[in-house]
Amino acid sequence: MKKMVMSFITATVVSAVIPATLHAQEYEVESGDSLWQIARDYETTISSLRELNDLDSDIIHPGQVIQVEETIYHKIERGDTLYALAKDYEVTVLDLMDWNKLESDLIITGNELVIYPNASEVDYDPEGEPAQPASAPVDTPNEVEQTEAESSNTNESTGQSDQKTMTMSATAYTAECDGCTGITATGLNLNEDRNMKVIAVDPSVIPLGTRVHVEGYGEAVAGDVGGAIKGNKIDIHVPTRDEAINWGVREVTVTILE
C-alpha cells in the first residue's frame, strides 16, 4: 500500500528563535485507501493528516497526493538546550534524546537535531479505530468492603515507602567538555556551579525534582536524564572529566528524601 511519491517538500522555518528546516514526506492515494488506514500505516492520527493537508473531511481520492509525515532539522545554536527545544517544539526531552541517539542531554553548537513534531500525538491508537466493548463486574457489598480495606493498606504502604531506599548502578558525567552547554533537562546550569549535586535518572523510577541521598556522593537533586539511564541506573554529576573516570561504575544505595 505504501506507494511513495519520490519527492520531498522542503521549507525553511523562518523564525528569530528557531532556526530549522522542515521536510514533509508525500503519499499518493490508491484505490481502496482510507485516511484511517494511512494514519495507522504511518503511525499518526487522522486529525494530524487532516491538519497537515488542510482537509475538511476524511474523504480522499485515488491519485491525490497527501503529506504523511513532517520532519524538522534544527541546527543547534549557542544557548540552546534540549529542555528549551522540547518546549518550543512541544515534544519531550526524552523524545529528542531517543530520535537523535543521545546518551545525555548535552548538545553541541553547530550539530543538527531531527524532530518529529507529530510524534507526541501517536501515543494511542489512531482515531476512528473501533473500540472493543468491555463489561465491568458488579461488586457485592462484601467485595466493596474488602476492596476499600485493601486500598487503605496500599495507601499506608505507599506512605511508608515515600522515603524508601534503592540499590542502584551509578556512573558519573561532567559538563567539562568542548561545546557542552551544561544545561540539564530541568534547566539547571552546571557550568555556573561545577560542584552542583545533580543526578540523571529514569523519571519513571525517580521523578525529576526529587531530592535524594546517594551513598558516596551525598545529597543531590534528580535534575537530569540520559539516554542510557533506564531503570535502576543513575548518572551523578561531577566537576571534572578525571573525577568522572575515577568514579567508574558503582553499586550504591539511594535514599529518597522528598
C-alpha atoms as a PDB file:
ATOM      1  CA  MET A   1       0.000   0.000   0.000  1.00  0.00           C
ATOM      2  CA  LYS A   2       2.837   2.388   0.770  1.00  0.00           C
ATOM      3  CA  LYS A   3       3.412   3.748  -2.725  1.00  0.00           C
ATOM      4  CA  MET A   4       5.613   6.720  -2.009  1.00  0.00           C
ATOM      5  CA  VAL A   5       5.932   9.752  -4.235  1.00  0.00           C
ATOM      6  CA  MET A   6       9.674  10.147  -4.758  1.00  0.00           C
ATOM      7  CA  SER A   7       9.852  13.754  -3.727  1.00  0.00           C
ATOM      8  CA  PHE A   8      10.048  15.721  -0.531  1.00  0.00           C
ATOM      9  CA  ILE A   9       8.744  19.162   0.236  1.00  0.00           C
ATOM     10  CA  THR A  10      11.451  21.190   1.924  1.00  0.00           C
ATOM     11  CA  ALA A  11      10.879  24.549   3.536  1.00  0.00           C
ATOM     12  CA  THR A  12      12.941  26.730   5.795  1.00  0.00           C
ATOM     13  CA  VAL A  13      11.171  27.604   9.003  1.00  0.00           C
ATOM     14  CA  VAL A  14      11.891  31.311   9.320  1.00  0.00           C
ATOM     15  CA  SER A  15      11.988  32.352  12.938  1.00  0.00           C
ATOM     16  CA  ALA A  16      14.064  34.658  15.043  1.00  0.00           C
ATOM     17  CA  VAL A  17      14.137  31.989  17.719  1.00  0.00           C
ATOM     18  CA  ILE A  18      14.091  28.593  15.971  1.00  0.00           C
ATOM     19  CA  PRO A  19      16.459  28.035  13.003  1.00  0.00           C
ATOM     20  CA  ALA A  20      15.135  24.882  11.352  1.00  0.00           C
ATOM     21  CA  THR A  21      14.373  23.155   8.067  1.00  0.00           C
ATOM     22  CA  LEU A  22      11.066  21.341   7.556  1.00  0.00           C
ATOM     23  CA  HIS A  23      10.725  18.233   5.374  1.00  0.00           C
ATOM     24  CA  ALA A  24       7.347  16.707   4.508  1.00  0.00           C
ATOM     25  CA  GLN A  25       7.024  13.195   3.073  1.00  0.00           C
ATOM     26  CA  GLU A  26       4.287  12.583   0.500  1.00  0.00           C
ATOM     27  CA  TYR A  27       1.997   9.633  -0.261  1.00  0.00           C
ATOM     28  CA  GLU A  28      -0.107   9.051  -3.385  1.00  0.00           C
ATOM     29  CA  VAL A  29      -3.579   7.751  -2.554  1.00  0.00           C
ATOM     30  CA  GLU A  30      -4.522   4.435  -4.193  1.00  0.00           C
ATOM     31  CA  SER A  31      -7.934   2.897  -4.838  1.00  0.00           C
ATOM     32  CA  GLY A  32      -9.326   1.465  -1.606  1.00  0.00           C
ATOM     33  CA  ASP A  33      -7.231   3.675   0.678  1.00  0.00           C
ATOM     34  CA  SER A  34      -8.821   5.440   3.610  1.00  0.00           C
ATOM     35  CA  LEU A  35      -7.470   8.200   5.806  1.00  0.00           C
ATOM     36  CA  TRP A  36      -7.766   5.891   8.815  1.00  0.00           C
ATOM     37  CA  GLN A  37      -5.705   3.177   7.077  1.00  0.00           C
ATOM     38  CA  ILE A  38      -2.990   5.654   6.078  1.00  0.00           C
ATOM     39  CA  ALA A  39      -2.897   7.069   9.624  1.00  0.00           C
ATOM     40  CA  ARG A  40      -2.450   3.561  11.008  1.00  0.00           C
ATOM     41  CA  ASP A  41       0.279   2.629   8.488  1.00  0.00           C
ATOM     42  CA  TYR A  42       2.294   5.751   9.211  1.00  0.00           C
ATOM     43  CA  GLU A  43       1.654   5.684  12.969  1.00  0.00           C
ATOM     44  CA  THR A  44      -0.057   9.036  13.078  1.00  0.00           C
ATOM     45  CA  THR A  45      -3.638  10.218  13.583  1.00  0.00           C
ATOM     46  CA  ILE A  46      -6.475  11.204  11.268  1.00  0.00           C
ATOM     47  CA  SER A  47      -6.586  14.687  12.800  1.00  0.00           C
ATOM     48  CA  SER A  48      -2.850  15.126  12.136  1.00  0.00           C
ATOM     49  CA  LEU A  49      -3.282  14.158   8.471  1.00  0.00           C
ATOM     50  CA  ARG A  50      -6.266  16.469   8.088  1.00  0.00           C
ATOM     51  CA  GLU A  51      -4.405  19.378   9.679  1.00  0.00           C
ATOM     52  CA  LEU A  52      -1.227  18.712   7.690  1.00  0.00           C
ATOM     53  CA  ASN A  53      -3.168  18.635   4.398  1.00  0.00           C
ATOM     54  CA  ASP A  54      -5.899  21.214   5.168  1.00  0.00           C
ATOM     55  CA  LEU A  55      -8.624  18.585   4.672  1.00  0.00           C
ATOM     56  CA  ASP A  56     -12.203  19.466   5.609  1.00  0.00           C
ATOM     57  CA  SER A  57     -13.282  15.805   5.809  1.00  0.00           C
ATOM     58  CA  ASP A  58     -11.922  12.248   5.813  1.00  0.00           C
ATOM     59  CA  ILE A  59     -12.722  11.803   2.099  1.00  0.00           C
ATOM     60  CA  ILE A  60      -9.703  11.188  -0.171  1.00  0.00           C
ATOM     61  CA  HIS A  61      -9.454  10.194  -3.851  1.00  0.00           C
ATOM     62  CA  PRO A  62      -7.125   7.907  -5.867  1.00  0.00           C
ATOM     63  CA  GLY A  63      -4.211   9.885  -7.289  1.00  0.00           C
ATOM     64  CA  GLN A  64      -4.432  12.519  -4.578  1.00  0.00           C
ATOM     65  CA  VAL A  65      -1.047  13.344  -3.029  1.00  0.00           C
ATOM     66  CA  ILE A  66      -1.037  13.968   0.700  1.00  0.00           C
ATOM     67  CA  GLN A  67       1.693  14.746   3.193  1.00  0.00           C
ATOM     68  CA  VAL A  68       2.062  11.963   5.733  1.00  0.00           C
ATOM     69  CA  GLU A  69       4.992  12.980   7.906  1.00  0.00           C
ATOM     70  CA  GLU A  70       6.822  16.094   8.988  1.00  0.00           C
ATOM     71  CA  THR A  71      10.480  16.080   9.935  1.00  0.00           C
ATOM     72  CA  ILE A  72      12.236  19.163  11.265  1.00  0.00           C
ATOM     73  CA  TYR A  73      16.017  19.558  11.273  1.00  0.00           C
ATOM     74  CA  HIS A  74      17.086  22.061  13.908  1.00  0.00           C
ATOM     75  CA  LYS A  75      20.607  23.491  13.799  1.00  0.00           C
ATOM     76  CA  ILE A  76      21.864  23.902  17.349  1.00  0.00           C
ATOM     77  CA  GLU A  77      22.858  27.453  18.253  1.00  0.00           C
ATOM     78  CA  ARG A  78      24.773  28.764  21.234  1.00  0.00           C
ATOM     79  CA  GLY A  79      22.475  28.836  24.253  1.00  0.00           C
ATOM     80  CA  ASP A  80      20.151  26.073  23.002  1.00  0.00           C
ATOM     81  CA  THR A  81      19.143  23.363  25.469  1.00  0.00           C
ATOM     82  CA  LEU A  82      17.147  20.183  24.984  1.00  0.00           C
ATOM     83  CA  TYR A  83      14.758  21.422  27.645  1.00  0.00           C
ATOM     84  CA  ALA A  84      14.063  24.686  25.778  1.00  0.00           C
ATOM     85  CA  LEU A  85      13.859  22.992  22.362  1.00  0.00           C
ATOM     86  CA  ALA A  86      11.450  20.367  23.682  1.00  0.00           C
ATOM     87  CA  LYS A  87       9.236  23.186  24.946  1.00  0.00           C
ATOM     88  CA  ASP A  88       9.489  25.123  21.655  1.00  0.00           C
ATOM     89  CA  TYR A  89       8.580  22.102  19.511  1.00  0.00           C
ATOM     90  CA  GLU A  90       6.028  20.704  22.008  1.00  0.00           C
ATOM     91  CA  VAL A  91       7.805  17.357  22.426  1.00  0.00           C
ATOM     92  CA  THR A  92       9.717  15.862  25.365  1.00  0.00           C
ATOM     93  CA  VAL A  93      13.414  15.827  26.235  1.00  0.00           C
ATOM     94  CA  LEU A  94      13.331  12.024  26.147  1.00  0.00           C
ATOM     95  CA  ASP A  95      11.822  12.167  22.636  1.00  0.00           C
ATOM     96  CA  LEU A  96      14.687  14.357  21.421  1.00  0.00           C
ATOM     97  CA  MET A  97      17.263  12.072  23.016  1.00  0.00           C
ATOM     98  CA  ASP A  98      15.673   8.961  21.530  1.00  0.00           C
ATOM     99  CA  TRP A  99      15.295  10.371  17.989  1.00  0.00           C
ATOM    100  CA  ASN A 100      18.906  11.608  17.959  1.00  0.00           C
ATOM    101  CA  LYS A 101      20.532   8.671  19.806  1.00  0.00           C
ATOM    102  CA  LEU A 102      21.831  10.970  22.547  1.00  0.00           C
ATOM    103  CA  GLU A 103      23.390   9.439  25.656  1.00  0.00           C
ATOM    104  CA  SER A 104      22.862  12.632  27.675  1.00  0.00           C
ATOM    105  CA  ASP A 105      21.062  15.950  27.345  1.00  0.00           C
ATOM    106  CA  LEU A 106      24.287  17.776  26.443  1.00  0.00           C
ATOM    107  CA  ILE A 107      24.222  19.129  22.873  1.00  0.00           C
ATOM    108  CA  ILE A 108      26.925  20.715  20.709  1.00  0.00           C
ATOM    109  CA  THR A 109      26.621  24.012  18.838  1.00  0.00           C
ATOM    110  CA  GLY A 110      26.514  23.517  15.061  1.00  0.00           C
ATOM    111  CA  ASN A 111      25.087  19.998  15.137  1.00  0.00           C
ATOM    112  CA  GLU A 112      21.596  19.214  13.825  1.00  0.00           C
ATOM    113  CA  LEU A 113      18.740  17.617  15.723  1.00  0.00           C
ATOM    114  CA  VAL A 114      15.969  15.684  13.998  1.00  0.00           C
ATOM    115  CA  ILE A 115      12.487  16.404  15.367  1.00  0.00           C
ATOM    116  CA  TYR A 116       9.155  14.746  14.579  1.00  0.00           C
ATOM    117  CA  PRO A 117       6.562  17.362  15.596  1.00  0.00           C
ATOM    118  CA  ASN A 118       3.573  14.999  15.308  1.00  0.00           C
ATOM    119  CA  ALA A 119       5.117  12.156  17.293  1.00  0.00           C
ATOM    120  CA  SER A 120       3.586  13.224  20.605  1.00  0.00           C
ATOM    121  CA  GLU A 121       0.153  12.528  19.154  1.00  0.00           C
ATOM    122  CA  VAL A 122       0.930   8.880  18.403  1.00  0.00           C
ATOM    123  CA  ASP A 123       0.881   7.506  21.935  1.00  0.00           C
ATOM    124  CA  TYR A 124      -2.531   5.947  21.376  1.00  0.00           C
ATOM    125  CA  ASP A 125      -4.443   4.027  18.725  1.00  0.00           C
ATOM    126  CA  PRO A 126      -5.341   6.038  15.593  1.00  0.00           C
ATOM    127  CA  GLU A 127      -8.637   7.872  15.784  1.00  0.00           C
ATOM    128  CA  GLY A 128     -11.579   6.076  14.276  1.00  0.00           C
ATOM    129  CA  GLU A 129     -10.421   2.583  15.194  1.00  0.00           C
ATOM    130  CA  PRO A 130     -13.401   0.777  16.702  1.00  0.00           C
ATOM    131  CA  ALA A 131     -13.169   0.246  20.438  1.00  0.00           C
ATOM    132  CA  GLN A 132     -13.938  -3.144  21.962  1.00  0.00           C
ATOM    133  CA  PRO A 133     -16.813  -3.059  24.461  1.00  0.00           C
ATOM    134  CA  ALA A 134     -15.950  -4.105  27.977  1.00  0.00           C
ATOM    135  CA  SER A 135     -18.244  -5.176  30.773  1.00  0.00           C
ATOM    136  CA  ALA A 136     -17.464  -4.441  34.390  1.00  0.00           C
ATOM    137  CA  PRO A 137     -18.460  -6.888  37.147  1.00  0.00           C
ATOM    138  CA  VAL A 138     -20.850  -5.621  39.807  1.00  0.00           C
ATOM    139  CA  ASP A 139     -19.260  -5.614  43.239  1.00  0.00           C
ATOM    140  CA  THR A 140     -21.201  -7.075  46.145  1.00  0.00           C
ATOM    141  CA  PRO A 141     -21.122  -5.154  49.461  1.00  0.00           C
ATOM    142  CA  ASN A 142     -18.575  -7.616  50.892  1.00  0.00           C
ATOM    143  CA  GLU A 143     -16.344  -7.189  47.860  1.00  0.00           C
ATOM    144  CA  VAL A 144     -16.580  -3.402  48.160  1.00  0.00           C
ATOM    145  CA  GLU A 145     -15.589  -3.513  51.824  1.00  0.00           C
ATOM    146  CA  GLN A 146     -12.667  -5.799  51.024  1.00  0.00           C
ATOM    147  CA  THR A 147     -11.512  -3.509  48.214  1.00  0.00           C
ATOM    148  CA  GLU A 148     -11.657  -0.457  50.494  1.00  0.00           C
ATOM    149  CA  ALA A 149      -9.630  -2.287  53.119  1.00  0.00           C
ATOM    150  CA  GLU A 150      -7.030  -3.327  50.548  1.00  0.00           C
ATOM    151  CA  SER A 151      -6.899   0.245  49.234  1.00  0.00           C
ATOM    152  CA  SER A 152      -6.323   1.561  52.748  1.00  0.00           C
ATOM    153  CA  ASN A 153      -3.486  -0.905  53.289  1.00  0.00           C
ATOM    154  CA  THR A 154      -1.979   0.058  49.954  1.00  0.00           C
ATOM    155  CA  ASN A 155      -2.108   3.763  50.826  1.00  0.00           C
ATOM    156  CA  GLU A 156      -0.438   3.097  54.173  1.00  0.00           C
ATOM    157  CA  SER A 157       2.245   1.078  52.449  1.00  0.00           C
ATOM    158  CA  THR A 158       2.772   3.844  49.906  1.00  0.00           C
ATOM    159  CA  GLY A 159       3.091   6.421  52.640  1.00  0.00           C
ATOM    160  CA  GLN A 160       5.708   4.309  54.385  1.00  0.00           C
ATOM    161  CA  SER A 161       7.694   3.933  51.165  1.00  0.00           C
ATOM    162  CA  ASP A 162       7.879   7.668  50.437  1.00  0.00           C
ATOM    163  CA  GLN A 163      11.380   7.680  51.925  1.00  0.00           C
ATOM    164  CA  LYS A 164      12.488   4.355  50.541  1.00  0.00           C
ATOM    165  CA  THR A 165      15.970   3.197  49.686  1.00  0.00           C
ATOM    166  CA  MET A 166      17.069   1.532  46.467  1.00  0.00           C
ATOM    167  CA  THR A 167      20.227  -0.196  45.345  1.00  0.00           C
ATOM    168  CA  MET A 168      21.241   1.307  42.011  1.00  0.00           C
ATOM    169  CA  SER A 169      24.075   1.251  39.495  1.00  0.00           C
ATOM    170  CA  ALA A 170      25.791   4.653  39.377  1.00  0.00           C
ATOM    171  CA  THR A 171      28.037   6.129  36.702  1.00  0.00           C
ATOM    172  CA  ALA A 172      29.341   9.696  36.502  1.00  0.00           C
ATOM    173  CA  TYR A 173      29.317  12.504  33.936  1.00  0.00           C
ATOM    174  CA  THR A 174      30.619  16.058  33.680  1.00  0.00           C
ATOM    175  CA  ALA A 175      29.803  19.255  31.810  1.00  0.00           C
ATOM    176  CA  GLU A 176      33.543  19.820  31.307  1.00  0.00           C
ATOM    177  CA  CYS A 177      33.697  19.182  27.557  1.00  0.00           C
ATOM    178  CA  ASP A 178      34.087  21.225  24.364  1.00  0.00           C
ATOM    179  CA  GLY A 179      30.767  22.513  23.055  1.00  0.00           C
ATOM    180  CA  CYS A 180      28.762  21.231  26.036  1.00  0.00           C
ATOM    181  CA  THR A 181      26.099  23.680  27.178  1.00  0.00           C
ATOM    182  CA  GLY A 182      25.966  22.261  30.695  1.00  0.00           C
ATOM    183  CA  ILE A 183      22.205  22.781  30.844  1.00  0.00           C
ATOM    184  CA  THR A 184      20.278  19.849  32.322  1.00  0.00           C
ATOM    185  CA  ALA A 185      16.844  18.551  31.349  1.00  0.00           C
ATOM    186  CA  THR A 186      15.287  20.691  34.085  1.00  0.00           C
ATOM    187  CA  GLY A 187      17.208  23.834  33.129  1.00  0.00           C
ATOM    188  CA  LEU A 188      19.999  23.730  35.735  1.00  0.00           C
ATOM    189  CA  ASN A 189      23.265  25.294  34.518  1.00  0.00           C
ATOM    190  CA  LEU A 190      26.099  23.018  35.614  1.00  0.00           C
ATOM    191  CA  ASN A 191      28.738  25.362  34.184  1.00  0.00           C
ATOM    192  CA  GLU A 192      27.692  28.071  36.644  1.00  0.00           C
ATOM    193  CA  ASP A 193      28.405  25.723  39.555  1.00  0.00           C
ATOM    194  CA  ARG A 194      30.607  22.743  38.746  1.00  0.00           C
ATOM    195  CA  ASN A 195      30.105  21.428  42.295  1.00  0.00           C
ATOM    196  CA  MET A 196      26.320  21.281  41.948  1.00  0.00           C
ATOM    197  CA  LYS A 197      24.986  17.938  43.207  1.00  0.00           C
ATOM    198  CA  VAL A 198      22.761  16.676  40.397  1.00  0.00           C
ATOM    199  CA  ILE A 199      21.947  13.177  39.193  1.00  0.00           C
ATOM    200  CA  ALA A 200      20.461  11.945  35.931  1.00  0.00           C
ATOM    201  CA  VAL A 201      17.633   9.475  36.454  1.00  0.00           C
ATOM    202  CA  ASP A 202      14.937   7.472  34.747  1.00  0.00           C
ATOM    203  CA  PRO A 203      11.911   9.673  35.589  1.00  0.00           C
ATOM    204  CA  SER A 204       9.674   6.592  35.764  1.00  0.00           C
ATOM    205  CA  VAL A 205      11.794   5.367  38.705  1.00  0.00           C
ATOM    206  CA  ILE A 206      12.795   8.653  40.355  1.00  0.00           C
ATOM    207  CA  PRO A 207      10.718  11.681  39.270  1.00  0.00           C
ATOM    208  CA  LEU A 208      12.617  14.797  38.196  1.00  0.00           C
ATOM    209  CA  GLY A 209      12.905  17.279  41.049  1.00  0.00           C
ATOM    210  CA  THR A 210      13.172  14.582  43.728  1.00  0.00           C
ATOM    211  CA  ARG A 211      15.785  15.132  46.433  1.00  0.00           C
ATOM    212  CA  VAL A 212      17.884  12.073  47.200  1.00  0.00           C
ATOM    213  CA  HIS A 213      20.916  10.923  49.141  1.00  0.00           C
ATOM    214  CA  VAL A 214      23.424   8.879  47.151  1.00  0.00           C
ATOM    215  CA  GLU A 215      25.901   6.705  49.006  1.00  0.00           C
ATOM    216  CA  GLY A 216      29.424   8.041  48.453  1.00  0.00           C
ATOM    217  CA  TYR A 217      28.138  11.221  46.767  1.00  0.00           C
ATOM    218  CA  GLY A 218      25.822  12.947  49.214  1.00  0.00           C
ATOM    219  CA  GLU A 219      22.543  14.810  48.928  1.00  0.00           C
ATOM    220  CA  ALA A 220      21.506  15.695  45.383  1.00  0.00           C
ATOM    221  CA  VAL A 221      18.549  16.570  43.187  1.00  0.00           C
ATOM    222  CA  ALA A 222      17.215  14.454  40.329  1.00  0.00           C
ATOM    223  CA  GLY A 223      17.609  17.157  37.704  1.00  0.00           C
ATOM    224  CA  ASP A 224      18.707  15.421  34.535  1.00  0.00           C
ATOM    225  CA  VAL A 225      18.017  12.463  32.233  1.00  0.00           C
ATOM    226  CA  GLY A 226      20.184  10.293  29.999  1.00  0.00           C
ATOM    227  CA  GLY A 227      19.582   8.038  27.027  1.00  0.00           C
ATOM    228  CA  ALA A 228      21.348   5.125  28.752  1.00  0.00           C
ATOM    229  CA  ILE A 229      19.819   5.836  32.157  1.00  0.00           C
ATOM    230  CA  LYS A 230      16.977   3.338  32.346  1.00  0.00           C
ATOM    231  CA  GLY A 231      15.519   1.502  35.329  1.00  0.00           C
ATOM    232  CA  ASN A 232      17.717   1.295  38.433  1.00  0.00           C
ATOM    233  CA  LYS A 233      20.566   3.347  36.996  1.00  0.00           C
ATOM    234  CA  ILE A 234      21.705   6.863  37.810  1.00  0.00           C
ATOM    235  CA  ASP A 235      24.423   9.183  36.485  1.00  0.00           C
ATOM    236  CA  ILE A 236      25.972  11.583  39.005  1.00  0.00           C
ATOM    237  CA  HIS A 237      27.363  14.983  38.007  1.00  0.00           C
ATOM    238  CA  VAL A 238      30.978  15.661  38.989  1.00  0.00           C
ATOM    239  CA  PRO A 239      33.097  18.774  38.298  1.00  0.00           C
ATOM    240  CA  THR A 240      35.785  17.263  36.053  1.00  0.00           C
ATOM    241  CA  ARG A 241      36.370  14.556  33.471  1.00  0.00           C
ATOM    242  CA  ASP A 242      39.037  12.931  35.682  1.00  0.00           C
ATOM    243  CA  GLU A 243      36.564  12.602  38.547  1.00  0.00           C
ATOM    244  CA  ALA A 244      34.014  11.015  36.212  1.00  0.00           C
ATOM    245  CA  ILE A 245      36.602   8.470  35.049  1.00  0.00           C
ATOM    246  CA  ASN A 246      37.734   7.751  38.621  1.00  0.00           C
ATOM    247  CA  TRP A 247      34.157   7.157  39.735  1.00  0.00           C
ATOM    248  CA  GLY A 248      33.663   4.403  37.171  1.00  0.00           C
ATOM    249  CA  VAL A 249      30.607   2.233  37.830  1.00  0.00           C
ATOM    250  CA  ARG A 250      29.489   1.640  41.407  1.00  0.00           C
ATOM    251  CA  GLU A 251      26.612  -0.033  43.181  1.00  0.00           C
ATOM    252  CA  VAL A 252      25.177   2.497  45.619  1.00  0.00           C
ATOM    253  CA  THR A 253      22.266   2.935  47.982  1.00  0.00           C
ATOM    254  CA  VAL A 254      19.932   5.770  47.011  1.00  0.00           C
ATOM    255  CA  THR A 255      17.564   7.166  49.633  1.00  0.00           C
ATOM    256  CA  ILE A 256      14.542   9.191  48.542  1.00  0.00           C
ATOM    257  CA  LEU A 257      14.346  12.282  50.768  1.00  0.00           C
ATOM    258  CA  GLU A 258      11.402  14.156  49.214  1.00  0.00           C
END
